[in-house]
Amino acid sequence: MADSTMHVSAETRDRLAAVAAARGMSLDAFLDSLADREENDLRLTRATAAFREVTRRPGVAEAFDRAFPDEAPASRDAAGRAA
């Protein structure tokens, strides 16, 4: 992969370099790991939204409980959802 140049303030560069050094990483390695974490957070945010949308549908939680009885939560709130 070809290298690129990014322009950030000296303060931002120094802050990122300090965090990288504290973790025993080069700035490049730290930025790569930071990008990986941020991409993962975005995927998790989208997956969480999709999960919440699906589980709001009537009958989905009950169907899950029937399919996986050993994983069903012990207590339920008034709406029948896991407390």
Protein backbone atom coordinates (compact mmCIF):
# COMPACT_ATOMS: atom_id res chain seq x y z
CA MET A 1 0.00 0.00 0.00
CA ALA A 2 1.32 3.43 -0.89
CA ASP A 3 1.98 5.91 1.88
CA SER A 4 -0.04 9.10 2.10
CA THR A 5 0.39 12.38 3.89
CA MET A 6 -2.20 13.76 6.28
CA HIS A 7 -2.15 17.26 7.58
CA VAL A 8 -3.04 17.65 11.25
CA SER A 9 -2.09 20.29 13.73
CA ALA A 10 1.20 19.86 15.56
CA GLU A 11 -0.76 19.50 18.79
CA THR A 12 -2.86 16.64 17.38
CA ARG A 13 0.22 14.94 15.97
CA ASP A 14 2.00 15.20 19.31
CA ARG A 15 -1.00 13.88 21.23
CA LEU A 16 -1.35 10.89 18.90
CA ALA A 17 2.38 10.20 19.01
CA ALA A 18 2.33 10.33 22.83
CA VAL A 19 -0.51 7.80 23.02
CA ALA A 20 1.24 5.56 20.49
CA ALA A 21 4.50 5.72 22.44
CA ALA A 22 2.72 4.95 25.71
CA ARG A 23 1.35 1.81 24.07
CA GLY A 24 4.74 0.87 22.66
CA MET A 25 3.58 1.42 19.10
CA SER A 26 4.72 3.46 16.16
CA LEU A 27 2.38 6.26 15.14
CA ASP A 28 1.53 4.36 11.93
CA ALA A 29 0.68 1.20 13.86
CA PHE A 30 -1.38 3.17 16.37
CA LEU A 31 -3.35 4.96 13.64
CA ASP A 32 -3.96 1.61 11.91
CA SER A 33 -5.27 0.09 15.15
CA LEU A 34 -7.37 3.20 15.78
CA ALA A 35 -8.93 2.90 12.31
CA ASP A 36 -9.66 -0.80 12.97
CA ARG A 37 -11.40 0.03 16.27
CA GLU A 38 -13.44 2.83 14.71
CA GLU A 39 -14.53 0.64 11.80
CA ASN A 40 -15.52 -2.06 14.28
CA ASP A 41 -17.49 0.47 16.36
CA LEU A 42 -19.37 1.55 13.23
CA ARG A 43 -20.22 -2.07 12.39
CA LEU A 44 -21.35 -2.72 15.96
CA THR A 45 -23.51 0.41 15.94
CA ARG A 46 -25.22 -0.71 12.72
CA ALA A 47 -25.62 -4.27 14.03
CA THR A 48 -27.08 -3.01 17.31
CA ALA A 49 -29.59 -0.83 15.48
CA ALA A 50 -30.63 -3.77 13.28
CA PHE A 51 -30.92 -6.06 16.32
CA ARG A 52 -33.07 -3.53 18.19
CA GLU A 53 -35.30 -3.06 15.15
CA VAL A 54 -35.84 -6.79 14.74
CA THR A 55 -36.44 -7.46 18.43
CA ARG A 56 -39.09 -4.72 18.60
CA ARG A 57 -41.25 -6.73 16.19
CA PRO A 58 -44.12 -8.52 17.91
CA GLY A 59 -43.37 -12.13 18.74
CA VAL A 60 -39.65 -12.08 18.00
CA ALA A 61 -38.51 -12.25 21.65
CA GLU A 62 -40.99 -15.04 22.34
CA ALA A 63 -39.85 -16.97 19.26
CA PHE A 64 -36.25 -16.65 20.41
CA ASP A 65 -37.19 -17.92 23.87
CA ARG A 66 -38.94 -20.92 22.33
CA ALA A 67 -36.01 -21.70 20.04
CA PHE A 68 -33.40 -21.29 22.79
CA PRO A 69 -35.13 -22.09 26.08
CA ASP A 70 -31.88 -22.49 28.01
CA GLU A 71 -30.75 -18.97 27.05
CA ALA A 72 -33.99 -17.19 27.98
CA PRO A 73 -33.62 -14.65 30.80
CA ALA A 74 -35.16 -15.65 34.13
CA SER A 75 -37.04 -12.39 34.70
CA ARG A 76 -39.25 -10.40 32.38
CA ASP A 77 -40.64 -6.88 32.55
CA ALA A 78 -44.34 -6.06 32.12
CA ALA A 79 -43.96 -6.03 28.31
CA GLY A 80 -42.54 -9.56 28.39
CA ARG A 81 -38.99 -8.52 27.57
CA ALA A 82 -35.87 -9.46 29.45
CA ALA A 83 -35.41 -7.21 32.43
